[in-house]
Amino acid sequence: MSDTSKKSERKFSREQRLLLPTDYKFVFNQPIRSSDKLLTILAKQNQSEEQARLGLAVAKKSVKTAVHRNRIKRLIREFFRLNTDKLACADYVILVRSGIDKMDNRVITESLAKQFNYLRKKLT
């Protein structure tokens, strides 16, 4: 297998994103929830898709500067991209809380791993 095909397998594609307001409404309607002091993950089993999909809600009220909002979104997308094969086929929406921008990347990644692990058990 060539290097380019390996990269495309691990790409965070358009099909892996929640794009429409109806997609978000679907998840917000009776989700399975996991929370800690940094973030909340809402999940709902999807019937039509064969893969996990991700939506992000990083509010300006929670994270003041665009630089920090973008860092957090990039970190979450990268975690999701690298761990897609370990996740249940569901739609996920991640909501961040105030103070997450002051945390180290490692702490945020550990929080994501712990919560996605909990959700995987609940969804399967």
PDB file of N, CA and C in Angstrom:
ATOM      1  N   MET A   1       0.843  -1.174   0.000  1.00  0.00           N
ATOM      2  CA  MET A   1       0.000   0.000   0.000  1.00  0.00           C
ATOM      3  C   MET A   1       0.891   1.241   0.000  1.00  0.00           C
ATOM      4  N   SER A   2       0.552   2.199  -0.824  1.00  0.00           N
ATOM      5  CA  SER A   2       1.374   3.397  -0.935  1.00  0.00           C
ATOM      6  C   SER A   2       1.088   4.358   0.216  1.00  0.00           C
ATOM      7  N   ASP A   3       1.969   5.336   0.361  1.00  0.00           N
ATOM      8  CA  ASP A   3       1.812   6.318   1.429  1.00  0.00           C
ATOM      9  C   ASP A   3       0.550   7.153   1.253  1.00  0.00           C
ATOM     10  N   THR A   4       0.209   7.485  -0.002  1.00  0.00           N
ATOM     11  CA  THR A   4      -0.978   8.322  -0.218  1.00  0.00           C
ATOM     12  C   THR A   4      -2.257   7.589   0.147  1.00  0.00           C
ATOM     13  N   SER A   5      -2.341   6.294  -0.101  1.00  0.00           N
ATOM     14  CA  SER A   5      -3.551   5.569   0.266  1.00  0.00           C
ATOM     15  C   SER A   5      -3.651   5.411   1.779  1.00  0.00           C
ATOM     16  N   LYS A   6      -2.520   5.305   2.467  1.00  0.00           N
ATOM     17  CA  LYS A   6      -2.544   5.250   3.934  1.00  0.00           C
ATOM     18  C   LYS A   6      -3.072   6.552   4.505  1.00  0.00           C
ATOM     19  N   LYS A   7      -2.644   7.669   3.927  1.00  0.00           N
ATOM     20  CA  LYS A   7      -3.097   8.968   4.410  1.00  0.00           C
ATOM     21  C   LYS A   7      -4.585   9.153   4.169  1.00  0.00           C
ATOM     22  N   SER A   8      -5.074   8.715   3.023  1.00  0.00           N
ATOM     23  CA  SER A   8      -6.489   8.909   2.722  1.00  0.00           C
ATOM     24  C   SER A   8      -7.382   8.058   3.621  1.00  0.00           C
ATOM     25  N   GLU A   9      -6.893   6.910   4.091  1.00  0.00           N
ATOM     26  CA  GLU A   9      -7.664   6.082   5.011  1.00  0.00           C
ATOM     27  C   GLU A   9      -7.861   6.782   6.352  1.00  0.00           C
ATOM     28  N   ARG A  10      -6.903   7.576   6.760  1.00  0.00           N
ATOM     29  CA  ARG A  10      -6.939   8.231   8.062  1.00  0.00           C
ATOM     30  C   ARG A  10      -7.424   9.670   7.984  1.00  0.00           C
ATOM     31  N   LYS A  11      -7.878  10.104   6.831  1.00  0.00           N
ATOM     32  CA  LYS A  11      -8.315  11.471   6.632  1.00  0.00           C
ATOM     33  C   LYS A  11      -9.624  11.730   7.375  1.00  0.00           C
ATOM     34  N   PHE A  12      -9.802  12.942   7.860  1.00  0.00           N
ATOM     35  CA  PHE A  12     -11.057  13.351   8.480  1.00  0.00           C
ATOM     36  C   PHE A  12     -11.937  13.889   7.360  1.00  0.00           C
ATOM     37  N   SER A  13     -12.716  12.999   6.765  1.00  0.00           N
ATOM     38  CA  SER A  13     -13.468  13.330   5.555  1.00  0.00           C
ATOM     39  C   SER A  13     -14.778  14.050   5.862  1.00  0.00           C
ATOM     40  N   ARG A  14     -15.382  14.561   4.825  1.00  0.00           N
ATOM     41  CA  ARG A  14     -16.656  15.260   4.934  1.00  0.00           C
ATOM     42  C   ARG A  14     -17.752  14.323   5.453  1.00  0.00           C
ATOM     43  N   GLU A  15     -17.674  13.053   5.102  1.00  0.00           N
ATOM     44  CA  GLU A  15     -18.665  12.080   5.547  1.00  0.00           C
ATOM     45  C   GLU A  15     -18.597  11.823   7.053  1.00  0.00           C
ATOM     46  N   GLN A  16     -17.491  12.185   7.679  1.00  0.00           N
ATOM     47  CA  GLN A  16     -17.314  11.970   9.119  1.00  0.00           C
ATOM     48  C   GLN A  16     -17.750  13.180   9.941  1.00  0.00           C
ATOM     49  N   ARG A  17     -18.317  14.194   9.302  1.00  0.00           N
ATOM     50  CA  ARG A  17     -18.696  15.415   9.998  1.00  0.00           C
ATOM     51  C   ARG A  17     -20.203  15.568  10.057  1.00  0.00           C
ATOM     52  N   LEU A  18     -20.678  16.149  11.133  1.00  0.00           N
ATOM     53  CA  LEU A  18     -22.077  16.560  11.209  1.00  0.00           C
ATOM     54  C   LEU A  18     -22.129  17.955  10.599  1.00  0.00           C
ATOM     55  N   LEU A  19     -22.865  18.096   9.512  1.00  0.00           N
ATOM     56  CA  LEU A  19     -22.844  19.351   8.770  1.00  0.00           C
ATOM     57  C   LEU A  19     -24.133  20.160   8.882  1.00  0.00           C
ATOM     58  N   LEU A  20     -25.255  19.484   8.961  1.00  0.00           N
ATOM     59  CA  LEU A  20     -26.542  20.165   8.917  1.00  0.00           C
ATOM     60  C   LEU A  20     -27.146  20.340  10.306  1.00  0.00           C
ATOM     61  N   PRO A  21     -27.953  21.388  10.471  1.00  0.00           N
ATOM     62  CA  PRO A  21     -28.646  21.556  11.754  1.00  0.00           C
ATOM     63  C   PRO A  21     -29.504  20.343  12.125  1.00  0.00           C
ATOM     64  N   THR A  22     -30.062  19.658  11.141  1.00  0.00           N
ATOM     65  CA  THR A  22     -30.860  18.465  11.434  1.00  0.00           C
ATOM     66  C   THR A  22     -30.008  17.350  12.019  1.00  0.00           C
ATOM     67  N   ASP A  23     -28.729  17.273  11.601  1.00  0.00           N
ATOM     68  CA  ASP A  23     -27.812  16.285  12.173  1.00  0.00           C
ATOM     69  C   ASP A  23     -27.589  16.556  13.659  1.00  0.00           C
ATOM     70  N   TYR A  24     -27.396  17.829  13.994  1.00  0.00           N
ATOM     71  CA  TYR A  24     -27.187  18.206  15.392  1.00  0.00           C
ATOM     72  C   TYR A  24     -28.458  17.969  16.218  1.00  0.00           C
ATOM     73  N   LYS A  25     -29.617  18.322  15.649  1.00  0.00           N
ATOM     74  CA  LYS A  25     -30.886  18.121  16.355  1.00  0.00           C
ATOM     75  C   LYS A  25     -31.114  16.647  16.656  1.00  0.00           C
ATOM     76  N   PHE A  26     -30.736  15.777  15.712  1.00  0.00           N
ATOM     77  CA  PHE A  26     -30.866  14.335  15.915  1.00  0.00           C
ATOM     78  C   PHE A  26     -30.093  13.902  17.156  1.00  0.00           C
ATOM     79  N   VAL A  27     -28.869  14.404  17.312  1.00  0.00           N
ATOM     80  CA  VAL A  27     -28.030  14.020  18.450  1.00  0.00           C
ATOM     81  C   VAL A  27     -28.541  14.646  19.749  1.00  0.00           C
ATOM     82  N   PHE A  28     -28.992  15.892  19.689  1.00  0.00           N
ATOM     83  CA  PHE A  28     -29.470  16.568  20.898  1.00  0.00           C
ATOM     84  C   PHE A  28     -30.782  15.980  21.421  1.00  0.00           C
ATOM     85  N   ASN A  29     -31.496  15.228  20.603  1.00  0.00           N
ATOM     86  CA  ASN A  29     -32.750  14.609  21.010  1.00  0.00           C
ATOM     87  C   ASN A  29     -32.477  13.262  21.686  1.00  0.00           C
ATOM     88  N   GLN A  30     -32.513  13.237  23.001  1.00  0.00           N
ATOM     89  CA  GLN A  30     -32.306  12.037  23.827  1.00  0.00           C
ATOM     90  C   GLN A  30     -30.974  11.323  23.565  1.00  0.00           C
ATOM     91  N   PRO A  31     -29.856  12.012  23.802  1.00  0.00           N
ATOM     92  CA  PRO A  31     -28.552  11.390  23.582  1.00  0.00           C
ATOM     93  C   PRO A  31     -28.084  10.593  24.797  1.00  0.00           C
ATOM     94  N   ILE A  32     -27.052   9.821  24.582  1.00  0.00           N
ATOM     95  CA  ILE A  32     -26.274   9.250  25.679  1.00  0.00           C
ATOM     96  C   ILE A  32     -25.202  10.293  25.969  1.00  0.00           C
ATOM     97  N   ARG A  33     -24.993  10.591  27.233  1.00  0.00           N
ATOM     98  CA  ARG A  33     -24.156  11.732  27.612  1.00  0.00           C
ATOM     99  C   ARG A  33     -22.988  11.287  28.488  1.00  0.00           C
ATOM    100  N   SER A  34     -21.842  11.909  28.244  1.00  0.00           N
ATOM    101  CA  SER A  34     -20.679  11.705  29.094  1.00  0.00           C
ATOM    102  C   SER A  34     -20.052  13.072  29.348  1.00  0.00           C
ATOM    103  N   SER A  35     -19.749  13.390  30.604  1.00  0.00           N
ATOM    104  CA  SER A  35     -19.226  14.715  30.951  1.00  0.00           C
ATOM    105  C   SER A  35     -18.097  14.629  31.953  1.00  0.00           C
ATOM    106  N   ASP A  36     -17.277  15.641  31.931  1.00  0.00           N
ATOM    107  CA  ASP A  36     -16.321  15.890  32.998  1.00  0.00           C
ATOM    108  C   ASP A  36     -16.136  17.398  33.095  1.00  0.00           C
ATOM    109  N   LYS A  37     -15.102  17.843  33.808  1.00  0.00           N
ATOM    110  CA  LYS A  37     -14.940  19.282  34.026  1.00  0.00           C
ATOM    111  C   LYS A  37     -14.526  20.033  32.769  1.00  0.00           C
ATOM    112  N   LEU A  38     -14.043  19.337  31.736  1.00  0.00           N
ATOM    113  CA  LEU A  38     -13.566  20.000  30.525  1.00  0.00           C
ATOM    114  C   LEU A  38     -14.581  20.030  29.396  1.00  0.00           C
ATOM    115  N   LEU A  39     -15.302  18.914  29.202  1.00  0.00           N
ATOM    116  CA  LEU A  39     -16.194  18.837  28.060  1.00  0.00           C
ATOM    117  C   LEU A  39     -17.308  17.838  28.275  1.00  0.00           C
ATOM    118  N   THR A  40     -18.306  17.939  27.418  1.00  0.00           N
ATOM    119  CA  THR A  40     -19.449  17.019  27.414  1.00  0.00           C
ATOM    120  C   THR A  40     -19.543  16.425  26.022  1.00  0.00           C
ATOM    121  N   ILE A  41     -19.731  15.122  25.963  1.00  0.00           N
ATOM    122  CA  ILE A  41     -19.923  14.457  24.682  1.00  0.00           C
ATOM    123  C   ILE A  41     -21.323  13.867  24.661  1.00  0.00           C
ATOM    124  N   LEU A  42     -22.076  14.229  23.640  1.00  0.00           N
ATOM    125  CA  LEU A  42     -23.401  13.673  23.409  1.00  0.00           C
ATOM    126  C   LEU A  42     -23.276  12.682  22.263  1.00  0.00           C
ATOM    127  N   ALA A  43     -23.899  11.525  22.400  1.00  0.00           N
ATOM    128  CA  ALA A  43     -23.799  10.494  21.365  1.00  0.00           C
ATOM    129  C   ALA A  43     -25.161   9.876  21.122  1.00  0.00           C
ATOM    130  N   LYS A  44     -25.385   9.520  19.878  1.00  0.00           N
ATOM    131  CA  LYS A  44     -26.615   8.825  19.516  1.00  0.00           C
ATOM    132  C   LYS A  44     -26.308   7.895  18.356  1.00  0.00           C
ATOM    133  N   GLN A  45     -26.746   6.653  18.503  1.00  0.00           N
ATOM    134  CA  GLN A  45     -26.524   5.633  17.479  1.00  0.00           C
ATOM    135  C   GLN A  45     -27.118   6.107  16.161  1.00  0.00           C
ATOM    136  N   ASN A  46     -26.336   5.986  15.078  1.00  0.00           N
ATOM    137  CA  ASN A  46     -26.882   6.352  13.766  1.00  0.00           C
ATOM    138  C   ASN A  46     -27.188   5.089  12.978  1.00  0.00           C
ATOM    139  N   GLN A  47     -28.325   5.074  12.331  1.00  0.00           N
ATOM    140  CA  GLN A  47     -28.757   3.892  11.598  1.00  0.00           C
ATOM    141  C   GLN A  47     -28.280   3.921  10.147  1.00  0.00           C
ATOM    142  N   SER A  48     -28.253   5.081   9.552  1.00  0.00           N
ATOM    143  CA  SER A  48     -27.988   5.172   8.122  1.00  0.00           C
ATOM    144  C   SER A  48     -26.507   5.123   7.769  1.00  0.00           C
ATOM    145  N   GLU A  49     -25.653   5.495   8.667  1.00  0.00           N
ATOM    146  CA  GLU A  49     -24.218   5.580   8.364  1.00  0.00           C
ATOM    147  C   GLU A  49     -23.477   4.332   8.833  1.00  0.00           C
ATOM    148  N   GLU A  50     -22.382   4.076   8.174  1.00  0.00           N
ATOM    149  CA  GLU A  50     -21.520   2.951   8.545  1.00  0.00           C
ATOM    150  C   GLU A  50     -20.288   3.421   9.313  1.00  0.00           C
ATOM    151  N   GLN A  51     -20.293   4.666   9.736  1.00  0.00           N
ATOM    152  CA  GLN A  51     -19.133   5.209  10.435  1.00  0.00           C
ATOM    153  C   GLN A  51     -19.563   6.229  11.478  1.00  0.00           C
ATOM    154  N   ALA A  52     -18.631   6.556  12.341  1.00  0.00           N
ATOM    155  CA  ALA A  52     -18.878   7.571  13.356  1.00  0.00           C
ATOM    156  C   ALA A  52     -18.772   8.949  12.697  1.00  0.00           C
ATOM    157  N   ARG A  53     -19.587   9.886  13.201  1.00  0.00           N
ATOM    158  CA  ARG A  53     -19.542  11.258  12.706  1.00  0.00           C
ATOM    159  C   ARG A  53     -19.390  12.205  13.887  1.00  0.00           C
ATOM    160  N   LEU A  54     -18.718  13.326  13.652  1.00  0.00           N
ATOM    161  CA  LEU A  54     -18.377  14.264  14.718  1.00  0.00           C
ATOM    162  C   LEU A  54     -18.917  15.651  14.432  1.00  0.00           C
ATOM    163  N   GLY A  55     -19.464  16.289  15.473  1.00  0.00           N
ATOM    164  CA  GLY A  55     -19.854  17.683  15.434  1.00  0.00           C
ATOM    165  C   GLY A  55     -19.243  18.387  16.629  1.00  0.00           C
ATOM    166  N   LEU A  56     -18.833  19.623  16.435  1.00  0.00           N
ATOM    167  CA  LEU A  56     -18.191  20.380  17.507  1.00  0.00           C
ATOM    168  C   LEU A  56     -18.990  21.630  17.829  1.00  0.00           C
ATOM    169  N   ALA A  57     -19.055  21.963  19.101  1.00  0.00           N
ATOM    170  CA  ALA A  57     -19.672  23.206  19.552  1.00  0.00           C
ATOM    171  C   ALA A  57     -18.706  23.850  20.544  1.00  0.00           C
ATOM    172  N   VAL A  58     -17.861  24.720  20.017  1.00  0.00           N
ATOM    173  CA  VAL A  58     -16.878  25.417  20.838  1.00  0.00           C
ATOM    174  C   VAL A  58     -17.309  26.876  20.885  1.00  0.00           C
ATOM    175  N   ALA A  59     -18.027  27.232  21.929  1.00  0.00           N
ATOM    176  CA  ALA A  59     -18.624  28.568  22.037  1.00  0.00           C
ATOM    177  C   ALA A  59     -17.600  29.633  22.411  1.00  0.00           C
ATOM    178  N   LYS A  60     -17.796  30.803  21.853  1.00  0.00           N
ATOM    179  CA  LYS A  60     -16.949  31.945  22.167  1.00  0.00           C
ATOM    180  C   LYS A  60     -17.086  32.321  23.645  1.00  0.00           C
ATOM    181  N   LYS A  61     -18.239  32.022  24.225  1.00  0.00           N
ATOM    182  CA  LYS A  61     -18.469  32.297  25.642  1.00  0.00           C
ATOM    183  C   LYS A  61     -17.569  31.425  26.523  1.00  0.00           C
ATOM    184  N   SER A  62     -17.308  30.187  26.088  1.00  0.00           N
ATOM    185  CA  SER A  62     -16.476  29.264  26.862  1.00  0.00           C
ATOM    186  C   SER A  62     -14.994  29.471  26.622  1.00  0.00           C
ATOM    187  N   VAL A  63     -14.628  29.727  25.364  1.00  0.00           N
ATOM    188  CA  VAL A  63     -13.224  29.896  24.983  1.00  0.00           C
ATOM    189  C   VAL A  63     -13.133  31.218  24.230  1.00  0.00           C
ATOM    190  N   LYS A  64     -12.548  32.206  24.873  1.00  0.00           N
ATOM    191  CA  LYS A  64     -12.604  33.582  24.380  1.00  0.00           C
ATOM    192  C   LYS A  64     -11.883  33.835  23.061  1.00  0.00           C
ATOM    193  N   THR A  65     -10.661  33.348  22.906  1.00  0.00           N
ATOM    194  CA  THR A  65      -9.886  33.711  21.725  1.00  0.00           C
ATOM    195  C   THR A  65      -9.994  32.667  20.621  1.00  0.00           C
ATOM    196  N   ALA A  66      -9.966  33.146  19.384  1.00  0.00           N
ATOM    197  CA  ALA A  66     -10.062  32.261  18.228  1.00  0.00           C
ATOM    198  C   ALA A  66      -8.886  31.285  18.179  1.00  0.00           C
ATOM    199  N   VAL A  67      -7.728  31.728  18.599  1.00  0.00           N
ATOM    200  CA  VAL A  67      -6.547  30.867  18.595  1.00  0.00           C
ATOM    201  C   VAL A  67      -6.790  29.641  19.476  1.00  0.00           C
ATOM    202  N   HIS A  68      -7.332  29.855  20.663  1.00  0.00           N
ATOM    203  CA  HIS A  68      -7.598  28.746  21.575  1.00  0.00           C
ATOM    204  C   HIS A  68      -8.748  27.875  21.079  1.00  0.00           C
ATOM    205  N   ARG A  69      -9.799  28.494  20.534  1.00  0.00           N
ATOM    206  CA  ARG A  69     -10.909  27.704  19.979  1.00  0.00           C
ATOM    207  C   ARG A  69     -10.411  26.798  18.859  1.00  0.00           C
ATOM    208  N   ASN A  70      -9.593  27.344  17.990  1.00  0.00           N
ATOM    209  CA  ASN A  70      -9.072  26.552  16.870  1.00  0.00           C
ATOM    210  C   ASN A  70      -8.151  25.433  17.342  1.00  0.00           C
ATOM    211  N   ARG A  71      -7.333  25.694  18.360  1.00  0.00           N
ATOM    212  CA  ARG A  71      -6.450  24.653  18.897  1.00  0.00           C
ATOM    213  C   ARG A  71      -7.271  23.501  19.461  1.00  0.00           C
ATOM    214  N   ILE A  72      -8.312  23.832  20.192  1.00  0.00           N
ATOM    215  CA  ILE A  72      -9.151  22.798  20.801  1.00  0.00           C
ATOM    216  C   ILE A  72      -9.874  21.993  19.726  1.00  0.00           C
ATOM    217  N   LYS A  73     -10.433  22.676  18.729  1.00  0.00           N
ATOM    218  CA  LYS A  73     -11.118  21.966  17.647  1.00  0.00           C
ATOM    219  C   LYS A  73     -10.157  21.073  16.876  1.00  0.00           C
ATOM    220  N   ARG A  74      -8.968  21.567  16.616  1.00  0.00           N
ATOM    221  CA  ARG A  74      -7.955  20.781  15.896  1.00  0.00           C
ATOM    222  C   ARG A  74      -7.566  19.544  16.698  1.00  0.00           C
ATOM    223  N   LEU A  75      -7.398  19.710  17.991  1.00  0.00           N
ATOM    224  CA  LEU A  75      -7.029  18.602  18.871  1.00  0.00           C
ATOM    225  C   LEU A  75      -8.137  17.542  18.915  1.00  0.00           C
ATOM    226  N   ILE A  76      -9.384  17.967  19.021  1.00  0.00           N
ATOM    227  CA  ILE A  76     -10.504  17.026  19.058  1.00  0.00           C
ATOM    228  C   ILE A  76     -10.642  16.301  17.729  1.00  0.00           C
ATOM    229  N   ARG A  77     -10.551  17.028  16.612  1.00  0.00           N
ATOM    230  CA  ARG A  77     -10.655  16.385  15.294  1.00  0.00           C
ATOM    231  C   ARG A  77      -9.536  15.376  15.081  1.00  0.00           C
ATOM    232  N   GLU A  78      -8.340  15.716  15.514  1.00  0.00           N
ATOM    233  CA  GLU A  78      -7.202  14.801  15.361  1.00  0.00           C
ATOM    234  C   GLU A  78      -7.400  13.542  16.198  1.00  0.00           C
ATOM    235  N   PHE A  79      -7.865  13.691  17.423  1.00  0.00           N
ATOM    236  CA  PHE A  79      -8.152  12.530  18.269  1.00  0.00           C
ATOM    237  C   PHE A  79      -9.207  11.652  17.611  1.00  0.00           C
ATOM    238  N   PHE A  80     -10.274  12.269  17.126  1.00  0.00           N
ATOM    239  CA  PHE A  80     -11.354  11.532  16.478  1.00  0.00           C
ATOM    240  C   PHE A  80     -10.840  10.800  15.236  1.00  0.00           C
ATOM    241  N   ARG A  81     -10.054  11.476  14.430  1.00  0.00           N
ATOM    242  CA  ARG A  81      -9.517  10.893  13.200  1.00  0.00           C
ATOM    243  C   ARG A  81      -8.659   9.664  13.493  1.00  0.00           C
ATOM    244  N   LEU A  82      -7.811   9.752  14.498  1.00  0.00           N
ATOM    245  CA  LEU A  82      -6.906   8.653  14.829  1.00  0.00           C
ATOM    246  C   LEU A  82      -7.611   7.483  15.512  1.00  0.00           C
ATOM    247  N   ASN A  83      -8.769   7.729  16.120  1.00  0.00           N
ATOM    248  CA  ASN A  83      -9.461   6.690  16.888  1.00  0.00           C
ATOM    249  C   ASN A  83     -10.804   6.283  16.301  1.00  0.00           C
ATOM    250  N   THR A  84     -11.084   6.651  15.080  1.00  0.00           N
ATOM    251  CA  THR A  84     -12.379   6.345  14.454  1.00  0.00           C
ATOM    252  C   THR A  84     -12.674   4.858  14.453  1.00  0.00           C
ATOM    253  N   ASP A  85     -11.660   4.045  14.202  1.00  0.00           N
ATOM    254  CA  ASP A  85     -11.876   2.590  14.144  1.00  0.00           C
ATOM    255  C   ASP A  85     -12.253   1.995  15.498  1.00  0.00           C
ATOM    256  N   LYS A  86     -11.987   2.694  16.595  1.00  0.00           N
ATOM    257  CA  LYS A  86     -12.304   2.202  17.939  1.00  0.00           C
ATOM    258  C   LYS A  86     -13.663   2.688  18.438  1.00  0.00           C
ATOM    259  N   LEU A  87     -14.306   3.585  17.684  1.00  0.00           N
ATOM    260  CA  LEU A  87     -15.560   4.184  18.121  1.00  0.00           C
ATOM    261  C   LEU A  87     -16.755   3.424  17.580  1.00  0.00           C
ATOM    262  N   ALA A  88     -17.852   3.487  18.321  1.00  0.00           N
ATOM    263  CA  ALA A  88     -19.110   2.907  17.850  1.00  0.00           C
ATOM    264  C   ALA A  88     -19.644   3.765  16.705  1.00  0.00           C
ATOM    265  N   CYS A  89     -20.387   3.151  15.791  1.00  0.00           N
ATOM    266  CA  CYS A  89     -21.002   3.889  14.684  1.00  0.00           C
ATOM    267  C   CYS A  89     -22.127   4.746  15.242  1.00  0.00           C
ATOM    268  N   ALA A  90     -21.792   5.959  15.561  1.00  0.00           N
ATOM    269  CA  ALA A  90     -22.747   6.880  16.167  1.00  0.00           C
ATOM    270  C   ALA A  90     -22.398   8.295  15.750  1.00  0.00           C
ATOM    271  N   ASP A  91     -23.326   9.205  16.018  1.00  0.00           N
ATOM    272  CA  ASP A  91     -23.071  10.622  15.821  1.00  0.00           C
ATOM    273  C   ASP A  91     -22.695  11.210  17.175  1.00  0.00           C
ATOM    274  N   TYR A  92     -21.625  11.988  17.199  1.00  0.00           N
ATOM    275  CA  TYR A  92     -21.122  12.584  18.432  1.00  0.00           C
ATOM    276  C   TYR A  92     -21.112  14.108  18.301  1.00  0.00           C
ATOM    277  N   VAL A  93     -21.531  14.795  19.347  1.00  0.00           N
ATOM    278  CA  VAL A  93     -21.386  16.246  19.430  1.00  0.00           C
ATOM    279  C   VAL A  93     -20.600  16.529  20.697  1.00  0.00           C
ATOM    280  N   ILE A  94     -19.529  17.300  20.543  1.00  0.00           N
ATOM    281  CA  ILE A  94     -18.684  17.635  21.692  1.00  0.00           C
ATOM    282  C   ILE A  94     -18.897  19.101  22.037  1.00  0.00           C
ATOM    283  N   LEU A  95     -19.252  19.338  23.291  1.00  0.00           N
ATOM    284  CA  LEU A  95     -19.455  20.676  23.832  1.00  0.00           C
ATOM    285  C   LEU A  95     -18.328  20.949  24.828  1.00  0.00           C
ATOM    286  N   VAL A  96     -17.672  22.091  24.697  1.00  0.00           N
ATOM    287  CA  VAL A  96     -16.571  22.387  25.616  1.00  0.00           C
ATOM    288  C   VAL A  96     -17.051  23.304  26.728  1.00  0.00           C
ATOM    289  N   ARG A  97     -16.329  23.250  27.838  1.00  0.00           N
ATOM    290  CA  ARG A  97     -16.655  24.069  29.000  1.00  0.00           C
ATOM    291  C   ARG A  97     -15.574  25.123  29.217  1.00  0.00           C
ATOM    292  N   SER A  98     -15.913  26.126  29.984  1.00  0.00           N
ATOM    293  CA  SER A  98     -14.950  27.176  30.312  1.00  0.00           C
ATOM    294  C   SER A  98     -13.747  26.581  31.022  1.00  0.00           C
ATOM    295  N   GLY A  99     -12.583  27.079  30.706  1.00  0.00           N
ATOM    296  CA  GLY A  99     -11.357  26.617  31.344  1.00  0.00           C
ATOM    297  C   GLY A  99     -10.598  25.582  30.545  1.00  0.00           C
ATOM    298  N   ILE A 100     -11.199  25.028  29.498  1.00  0.00           N
ATOM    299  CA  ILE A 100     -10.509  24.019  28.698  1.00  0.00           C
ATOM    300  C   ILE A 100      -9.311  24.615  27.971  1.00  0.00           C
ATOM    301  N   ASP A 101      -9.385  25.896  27.648  1.00  0.00           N
ATOM    302  CA  ASP A 101      -8.285  26.545  26.921  1.00  0.00           C
ATOM    303  C   ASP A 101      -7.022  26.678  27.766  1.00  0.00           C
ATOM    304  N   LYS A 102      -7.151  26.533  29.071  1.00  0.00           N
ATOM    305  CA  LYS A 102      -5.979  26.628  29.957  1.00  0.00           C
ATOM    306  C   LYS A 102      -5.328  25.265  30.202  1.00  0.00           C
ATOM    307  N   MET A 103      -5.944  24.210  29.687  1.00  0.00           N
ATOM    308  CA  MET A 103      -5.442  22.854  29.888  1.00  0.00           C
ATOM    309  C   MET A 103      -4.426  22.470  28.817  1.00  0.00           C
ATOM    310  N   ASP A 104      -3.536  21.586  29.220  1.00  0.00           N
ATOM    311  CA  ASP A 104      -2.525  21.029  28.320  1.00  0.00           C
ATOM    312  C   ASP A 104      -3.203  20.074  27.326  1.00  0.00           C
ATOM    313  N   ASN A 105      -2.626  19.935  26.146  1.00  0.00           N
ATOM    314  CA  ASN A 105      -3.168  19.024  25.132  1.00  0.00           C
ATOM    315  C   ASN A 105      -3.312  17.600  25.659  1.00  0.00           C
ATOM    316  N   ARG A 106      -2.356  17.146  26.445  1.00  0.00           N
ATOM    317  CA  ARG A 106      -2.379  15.795  26.985  1.00  0.00           C
ATOM    318  C   ARG A 106      -3.597  15.585  27.881  1.00  0.00           C
ATOM    319  N   VAL A 107      -3.921  16.556  28.691  1.00  0.00           N
ATOM    320  CA  VAL A 107      -5.062  16.458  29.597  1.00  0.00           C
ATOM    321  C   VAL A 107      -6.366  16.373  28.802  1.00  0.00           C
ATOM    322  N   ILE A 108      -6.482  17.174  27.755  1.00  0.00           N
ATOM    323  CA  ILE A 108      -7.681  17.155  26.915  1.00  0.00           C
ATOM    324  C   ILE A 108      -7.797  15.809  26.206  1.00  0.00           C
ATOM    325  N   THR A 109      -6.691  15.299  25.689  1.00  0.00           N
ATOM    326  CA  THR A 109      -6.693  14.011  25.001  1.00  0.00           C
ATOM    327  C   THR A 109      -7.086  12.879  25.942  1.00  0.00           C
ATOM    328  N   GLU A 110      -6.584  12.905  27.165  1.00  0.00           N
ATOM    329  CA  GLU A 110      -6.948  11.879  28.149  1.00  0.00           C
ATOM    330  C   GLU A 110      -8.435  11.943  28.483  1.00  0.00           C
ATOM    331  N   SER A 111      -8.974  13.148  28.595  1.00  0.00           N
ATOM    332  CA  SER A 111     -10.401  13.312  28.858  1.00  0.00           C
ATOM    333  C   SER A 111     -11.226  12.738  27.709  1.00  0.00           C
ATOM    334  N   LEU A 112     -10.821  13.027  26.478  1.00  0.00           N
ATOM    335  CA  LEU A 112     -11.520  12.489  25.305  1.00  0.00           C
ATOM    336  C   LEU A 112     -11.482  10.963  25.292  1.00  0.00           C
ATOM    337  N   ALA A 113     -10.308  10.399  25.552  1.00  0.00           N
ATOM    338  CA  ALA A 113     -10.157   8.942  25.532  1.00  0.00           C
ATOM    339  C   ALA A 113     -11.064   8.287  26.569  1.00  0.00           C
ATOM    340  N   LYS A 114     -11.079   8.837  27.766  1.00  0.00           N
ATOM    341  CA  LYS A 114     -11.894   8.284  28.842  1.00  0.00           C
ATOM    342  C   LYS A 114     -13.379   8.346  28.499  1.00  0.00           C
ATOM    343  N   GLN A 115     -13.829   9.476  27.976  1.00  0.00           N
ATOM    344  CA  GLN A 115     -15.248   9.631  27.674  1.00  0.00           C
ATOM    345  C   GLN A 115     -15.686   8.808  26.466  1.00  0.00           C
ATOM    346  N   PHE A 116     -14.854   8.744  25.424  1.00  0.00           N
ATOM    347  CA  PHE A 116     -15.211   7.923  24.268  1.00  0.00           C
ATOM    348  C   PHE A 116     -15.232   6.442  24.638  1.00  0.00           C
ATOM    349  N   ASN A 117     -14.353   6.029  25.534  1.00  0.00           N
ATOM    350  CA  ASN A 117     -14.347   4.649  26.004  1.00  0.00           C
ATOM    351  C   ASN A 117     -15.660   4.334  26.737  1.00  0.00           C
ATOM    352  N   TYR A 118     -16.098   5.239  27.595  1.00  0.00           N
ATOM    353  CA  TYR A 118     -17.362   5.080  28.313  1.00  0.00           C
ATOM    354  C   TYR A 118     -18.527   4.995  27.328  1.00  0.00           C
ATOM    355  N   LEU A 119     -18.544   5.883  26.335  1.00  0.00           N
ATOM    356  CA  LEU A 119     -19.633   5.900  25.358  1.00  0.00           C
ATOM    357  C   LEU A 119     -19.650   4.653  24.474  1.00  0.00           C
ATOM    358  N   ARG A 120     -18.470   4.145  24.145  1.00  0.00           N
ATOM    359  CA  ARG A 120     -18.396   2.932  23.338  1.00  0.00           C
ATOM    360  C   ARG A 120     -19.086   1.783  24.065  1.00  0.00           C
ATOM    361  N   LYS A 121     -18.849   1.674  25.369  1.00  0.00           N
ATOM    362  CA  LYS A 121     -19.487   0.624  26.167  1.00  0.00           C
ATOM    363  C   LYS A 121     -20.994   0.806  26.226  1.00  0.00           C
ATOM    364  N   LYS A 122     -21.451   2.052  26.338  1.00  0.00           N
ATOM    365  CA  LYS A 122     -22.879   2.332  26.421  1.00  0.00           C
ATOM    366  C   LYS A 122     -23.607   2.096  25.101  1.00  0.00           C
ATOM    367  N   LEU A 123     -22.930   2.369  23.996  1.00  0.00           N
ATOM    368  CA  LEU A 123     -23.571   2.294  22.673  1.00  0.00           C
ATOM    369  C   LEU A 123     -23.577   0.885  22.092  1.00  0.00           C
ATOM    370  N   THR A 124     -22.699   0.017  22.572  1.00  0.00           N
ATOM    371  CA  THR A 124     -22.649  -1.338  21.997  1.00  0.00           C
ATOM    372  C   THR A 124     -23.285  -2.368  22.904  1.00  0.00           C
TER     373      THR A 124
END
